[in-house]
Amino acid sequence: MAELFTIHSLFNLLVLLFLQAVLGFDNLLYISIESKRAPPESQKTVRRNAILIAIALRIVLLFVIINLVEMLKEPFFHLDFTGVVEGSFNFSVLVFLFGGAFIMYTAVKEISHMLAIDDLAHDVEQRASKTAAQVTATLVVMNLVFSFDSILSALAITKVFAVLTLAIIGSGLAMLFLADHVSEFLKKNRKYEVLGLFILLIVGVVLLGEGGHVGHIKLFGYAVEPLSKTTFYFSIAVLVLVDVVQGRYQTKLDAERKAAH
């Protein structure tokens, strides 16, 4: 515990809190969108419970990774179909691949749904297609998928368990505070749901690339490379900028059409 109160550890804690805040944005976005699957009266409770359970499970996962990191590195199986698919698949690779595929599936499904619906008001009522317990379970599982990447990144900074635990708790409390605000914003500004879903789509690609890199996976002779964090955040910034410019341009066009009539 004495390690926690050193200047070095306090500095690492500040860096980790910043890192967790940045990496937790996509997690928060997923929570805000997926929680709408629960009945309206339960959505706030679902978000709170999912985040609190995830904080506890993240600490458990952190403890497991610190103590069993070498065991987790051992491949469960290998694929060696030269020219088609090659690679080694351990626990972390499977988590990244499963998580990335599931997030991309969720994003594509929601985007397809938005394009198919005719009545937005009726759609809001129909969104609550799962029970609160089902949505909470889904959010907890995906929280762990998101946290795997952030925990591995955090371990590259420090291996002091107390520092890492405080960073997890701090980021979890921040998510707890912001989740309702983000959900309320998306509810009042439904056009930004599309932006959020495309961001999730990119997050899925990032996780697939990370899994491919860790497992040294090759598809048709080409190595799967990870998308750098710089490229990821630049892509997000471009998406947001395009959405803002498009929104203002659309408002201008609408005003001109009204003036013409």
Protein backbone atom coordinates (compact mmCIF):
# COMPACT_ATOMS: atom_id res chain seq x y z
CA MET A 1 0.00 0.00 0.00
CA ALA A 2 2.97 2.30 0.63
CA GLU A 3 3.70 2.17 -3.12
CA LEU A 4 0.50 4.13 -3.71
CA PHE A 5 1.76 7.30 -2.02
CA THR A 6 4.95 7.75 -4.01
CA ILE A 7 5.24 10.60 -6.53
CA HIS A 8 5.75 8.05 -9.29
CA SER A 9 2.57 6.16 -8.39
CA LEU A 10 0.49 9.33 -8.09
CA PHE A 11 1.71 10.44 -11.52
CA ASN A 12 0.85 7.01 -12.95
CA LEU A 13 -2.60 7.26 -11.37
CA LEU A 14 -3.26 10.59 -13.13
CA VAL A 15 -2.08 9.15 -16.45
CA LEU A 16 -4.27 6.07 -15.96
CA LEU A 17 -7.35 8.14 -15.11
CA PHE A 18 -6.86 10.08 -18.33
CA LEU A 19 -6.27 6.86 -20.29
CA GLN A 20 -9.37 5.21 -18.81
CA ALA A 21 -11.45 8.31 -19.61
CA VAL A 22 -10.34 8.30 -23.26
CA LEU A 23 -10.70 4.55 -23.75
CA GLY A 24 -14.00 4.56 -21.87
CA PHE A 25 -15.78 6.88 -24.30
CA ASP A 26 -16.76 4.11 -26.72
CA ASN A 27 -17.87 1.98 -23.76
CA LEU A 28 -20.10 4.80 -22.51
CA LEU A 29 -21.55 5.22 -25.98
CA TYR A 30 -22.40 1.52 -26.19
CA ILE A 31 -24.06 1.62 -22.75
CA SER A 32 -26.19 4.62 -23.77
CA ILE A 33 -27.40 2.99 -26.99
CA GLU A 34 -27.89 -0.59 -25.77
CA SER A 35 -29.69 0.42 -22.55
CA LYS A 36 -32.60 1.63 -24.67
CA ARG A 37 -33.43 -2.04 -25.25
CA ALA A 38 -34.68 -2.20 -21.67
CA PRO A 39 -38.16 -0.99 -20.63
CA PRO A 40 -38.14 2.85 -20.36
CA GLU A 41 -38.81 2.85 -16.61
CA SER A 42 -35.80 0.55 -16.02
CA GLN A 43 -33.19 2.12 -18.29
CA LYS A 44 -31.57 4.36 -15.68
CA THR A 45 -31.37 1.47 -13.19
CA VAL A 46 -29.98 -0.83 -15.88
CA ARG A 47 -27.17 1.60 -16.70
CA ARG A 48 -26.30 2.09 -13.03
CA ASN A 49 -26.33 -1.61 -12.17
CA ALA A 50 -24.37 -2.60 -15.27
CA ILE A 51 -21.61 -0.08 -14.54
CA LEU A 52 -21.38 -0.98 -10.82
CA ILE A 53 -21.18 -4.72 -11.59
CA ALA A 54 -18.64 -4.04 -14.33
CA ILE A 55 -16.42 -2.06 -11.94
CA ALA A 56 -16.29 -5.03 -9.55
CA LEU A 57 -15.67 -7.51 -12.38
CA ARG A 58 -12.96 -5.28 -13.87
CA ILE A 59 -11.08 -5.39 -10.58
CA VAL A 60 -11.41 -9.18 -10.53
CA LEU A 61 -10.27 -9.34 -14.17
CA LEU A 62 -7.33 -7.09 -13.34
CA PHE A 63 -6.30 -9.41 -10.49
CA VAL A 64 -6.60 -12.46 -12.77
CA ILE A 65 -4.58 -10.88 -15.57
CA ILE A 66 -1.81 -9.72 -13.24
CA ASN A 67 -1.45 -13.16 -11.67
CA LEU A 68 -2.12 -15.34 -14.73
CA VAL A 69 -0.76 -13.23 -17.55
CA GLU A 70 1.65 -15.92 -18.72
CA MET A 71 -1.08 -18.56 -18.71
CA LEU A 72 -3.36 -16.30 -20.72
CA LYS A 73 -0.65 -15.92 -23.34
CA GLU A 74 -0.62 -19.63 -24.15
CA PRO A 75 -2.55 -20.33 -27.40
CA PHE A 76 -5.64 -22.51 -27.13
CA PHE A 77 -5.26 -23.58 -30.76
CA HIS A 78 -3.52 -22.69 -34.03
CA LEU A 79 -4.76 -22.34 -37.59
CA ASP A 80 -2.26 -22.99 -40.36
CA PHE A 81 -4.06 -22.93 -43.68
CA THR A 82 -1.27 -21.28 -45.66
CA GLY A 83 -2.53 -18.62 -48.02
CA VAL A 84 -6.00 -18.63 -46.43
CA VAL A 85 -5.86 -18.11 -42.67
CA GLU A 86 -2.99 -18.47 -40.20
CA GLY A 87 -2.64 -17.51 -36.55
CA SER A 88 -2.58 -18.44 -32.89
CA PHE A 89 -5.67 -18.01 -30.73
CA ASN A 90 -5.33 -17.45 -26.99
CA PHE A 91 -7.76 -15.94 -24.49
CA SER A 92 -7.05 -12.29 -25.32
CA VAL A 93 -7.27 -12.89 -29.08
CA LEU A 94 -10.66 -14.59 -28.74
CA VAL A 95 -11.95 -11.77 -26.50
CA PHE A 96 -10.86 -9.12 -29.01
CA LEU A 97 -12.29 -11.00 -32.00
CA PHE A 98 -15.57 -11.88 -30.32
CA GLY A 99 -16.00 -8.38 -28.91
CA GLY A 100 -15.16 -6.68 -32.20
CA ALA A 101 -17.49 -8.92 -34.20
CA PHE A 102 -20.35 -8.46 -31.72
CA ILE A 103 -20.00 -4.67 -31.64
CA MET A 104 -19.92 -4.49 -35.45
CA TYR A 105 -22.98 -6.75 -35.62
CA THR A 106 -24.82 -4.51 -33.15
CA ALA A 107 -23.93 -1.33 -35.05
CA VAL A 108 -24.90 -2.74 -38.48
CA LYS A 109 -28.15 -4.17 -37.09
CA GLU A 110 -29.13 -0.82 -35.53
CA ILE A 111 -28.21 1.15 -38.67
CA SER A 112 -30.28 -1.26 -40.80
CA HIS A 113 -33.17 -0.88 -38.36
CA MET A 114 -33.03 2.92 -38.59
CA LEU A 115 -33.20 2.76 -42.39
CA ALA A 116 -36.13 0.33 -42.30
CA ILE A 117 -38.48 2.04 -39.82
CA ASP A 118 -41.32 4.26 -41.05
CA ASP A 119 -42.59 5.76 -37.80
CA LEU A 120 -39.95 7.14 -35.43
CA ALA A 121 -42.42 7.78 -32.63
CA HIS A 122 -43.73 4.20 -32.80
CA ASP A 123 -40.15 2.92 -32.97
CA VAL A 124 -39.30 4.49 -29.60
CA GLU A 125 -42.06 2.41 -28.02
CA GLN A 126 -40.90 -0.77 -29.75
CA ARG A 127 -37.22 -0.42 -28.79
CA ALA A 128 -37.76 -1.93 -25.33
CA SER A 129 -37.59 -5.49 -26.64
CA LYS A 130 -35.60 -7.05 -23.78
CA THR A 131 -36.01 -7.34 -20.04
CA ALA A 132 -33.91 -5.20 -17.72
CA ALA A 133 -31.98 -8.30 -16.58
CA GLN A 134 -31.14 -9.29 -20.17
CA VAL A 135 -29.87 -5.82 -21.07
CA THR A 136 -27.87 -5.59 -17.82
CA ALA A 137 -26.21 -8.95 -18.57
CA THR A 138 -25.33 -7.84 -22.11
CA LEU A 139 -23.87 -4.55 -20.87
CA VAL A 140 -21.79 -6.28 -18.20
CA VAL A 141 -20.31 -8.74 -20.72
CA MET A 142 -19.50 -5.99 -23.23
CA ASN A 143 -18.08 -3.81 -20.44
CA LEU A 144 -15.60 -6.59 -19.79
CA VAL A 145 -14.74 -6.81 -23.49
CA PHE A 146 -14.09 -3.06 -23.59
CA SER A 147 -12.15 -3.19 -20.33
CA PHE A 148 -9.78 -5.91 -21.55
CA ASP A 149 -8.04 -3.50 -23.91
CA SER A 150 -7.87 -0.72 -21.32
CA ILE A 151 -6.48 -3.08 -18.64
CA LEU A 152 -3.75 -4.35 -20.96
CA SER A 153 -2.88 -0.75 -21.84
CA ALA A 154 -2.83 0.18 -18.14
CA LEU A 155 -0.48 -2.69 -17.30
CA ALA A 156 2.03 -1.19 -19.72
CA ILE A 157 2.16 1.89 -17.45
CA THR A 158 2.28 0.27 -14.00
CA LYS A 159 1.69 -3.07 -12.30
CA VAL A 160 0.87 -1.62 -8.85
CA PHE A 161 -2.50 -3.20 -8.08
CA ALA A 162 -3.71 -0.37 -5.81
CA VAL A 163 -3.01 2.28 -8.47
CA LEU A 164 -4.75 0.25 -11.17
CA THR A 165 -7.75 -0.41 -8.92
CA LEU A 166 -8.19 3.29 -8.10
CA ALA A 167 -8.03 4.14 -11.82
CA ILE A 168 -10.75 1.56 -12.57
CA ILE A 169 -12.98 2.85 -9.75
CA GLY A 170 -12.42 6.48 -10.79
CA SER A 171 -13.28 5.81 -14.44
CA GLY A 172 -16.29 3.73 -13.38
CA LEU A 173 -17.66 6.54 -11.22
CA ALA A 174 -17.19 8.99 -14.09
CA MET A 175 -19.15 6.66 -16.38
CA LEU A 176 -21.83 6.35 -13.71
CA PHE A 177 -22.18 10.14 -13.63
CA LEU A 178 -22.14 10.63 -17.42
CA ALA A 179 -24.22 7.66 -18.61
CA ASP A 180 -27.62 9.27 -17.96
CA HIS A 181 -26.53 12.57 -19.51
CA VAL A 182 -25.28 10.88 -22.69
CA SER A 183 -28.45 8.78 -22.95
CA GLU A 184 -30.65 11.85 -22.45
CA PHE A 185 -28.70 13.75 -25.11
CA LEU A 186 -29.12 10.92 -27.64
CA LYS A 187 -32.82 10.70 -26.81
CA LYS A 188 -33.32 14.39 -27.55
CA ASN A 189 -31.00 14.39 -30.58
CA ARG A 190 -31.75 11.11 -32.35
CA LYS A 191 -29.79 12.15 -35.44
CA TYR A 192 -26.59 11.67 -33.44
CA GLU A 193 -27.46 8.01 -32.89
CA VAL A 194 -26.26 7.36 -36.44
CA LEU A 195 -22.94 9.04 -35.64
CA GLY A 196 -22.65 7.00 -32.46
CA LEU A 197 -23.35 3.75 -34.30
CA PHE A 198 -20.69 4.46 -36.92
CA ILE A 199 -18.22 5.20 -34.12
CA LEU A 200 -19.10 1.81 -32.61
CA LEU A 201 -18.52 0.25 -36.03
CA ILE A 202 -14.99 1.67 -36.08
CA VAL A 203 -14.47 0.44 -32.49
CA GLY A 204 -15.35 -3.06 -33.70
CA VAL A 205 -12.76 -2.78 -36.47
CA VAL A 206 -10.17 -1.62 -33.90
CA LEU A 207 -10.83 -4.64 -31.67
CA LEU A 208 -10.65 -7.05 -34.63
CA GLY A 209 -7.36 -5.49 -35.70
CA GLU A 210 -5.98 -5.74 -32.17
CA GLY A 211 -6.98 -9.40 -31.95
CA GLY A 212 -5.43 -10.12 -35.33
CA HIS A 213 -2.20 -8.40 -34.32
CA VAL A 214 -1.92 -10.20 -30.96
CA GLY A 215 -2.63 -13.57 -32.62
CA HIS A 216 -0.32 -12.87 -35.60
CA ILE A 217 -3.26 -13.68 -37.85
CA LYS A 218 -2.86 -13.66 -41.62
CA LEU A 219 -5.76 -13.65 -44.06
CA PHE A 220 -4.95 -14.70 -47.63
CA GLY A 221 -1.28 -14.09 -46.93
CA TYR A 222 -1.74 -10.57 -45.51
CA ALA A 223 -1.06 -9.84 -41.85
CA VAL A 224 -3.92 -8.28 -39.88
CA GLU A 225 -2.54 -5.00 -38.53
CA PRO A 226 -3.99 -2.99 -35.61
CA LEU A 227 -5.47 0.44 -36.17
CA SER A 228 -3.36 2.93 -34.26
CA LYS A 229 -5.03 4.98 -31.54
CA THR A 230 -4.03 8.17 -33.38
CA THR A 231 -5.78 7.00 -36.55
CA PHE A 232 -8.81 5.91 -34.51
CA TYR A 233 -9.28 9.27 -32.78
CA PHE A 234 -8.60 11.14 -36.03
CA SER A 235 -11.34 9.08 -37.71
CA ILE A 236 -13.72 9.90 -34.86
CA ALA A 237 -12.88 13.61 -35.13
CA VAL A 238 -13.53 13.55 -38.89
CA LEU A 239 -16.88 11.78 -38.39
CA VAL A 240 -17.98 14.34 -35.81
CA LEU A 241 -16.81 17.27 -37.98
CA VAL A 242 -18.64 15.92 -41.04
CA ASP A 243 -21.80 15.43 -38.99
CA VAL A 244 -21.67 18.98 -37.57
CA VAL A 245 -21.00 20.56 -41.00
CA GLN A 246 -23.73 18.44 -42.62
CA GLY A 247 -26.20 19.43 -39.89
CA ARG A 248 -25.50 23.15 -40.30
CA TYR A 249 -25.66 22.89 -44.09
CA GLN A 250 -28.99 21.06 -43.89
CA THR A 251 -30.35 23.77 -41.56
CA LYS A 252 -29.25 26.42 -44.05
CA LEU A 253 -30.94 24.60 -46.95
CA ASP A 254 -34.16 24.21 -44.96
CA ALA A 255 -34.16 27.93 -44.15
CA GLU A 256 -33.65 28.84 -47.82
CA ARG A 257 -36.50 26.53 -48.90
CA LYS A 258 -38.85 28.11 -46.35
CA ALA A 259 -37.85 31.60 -47.48
CA ALA A 260 -38.47 30.65 -51.12
CA HIS A 261 -42.02 29.59 -50.32
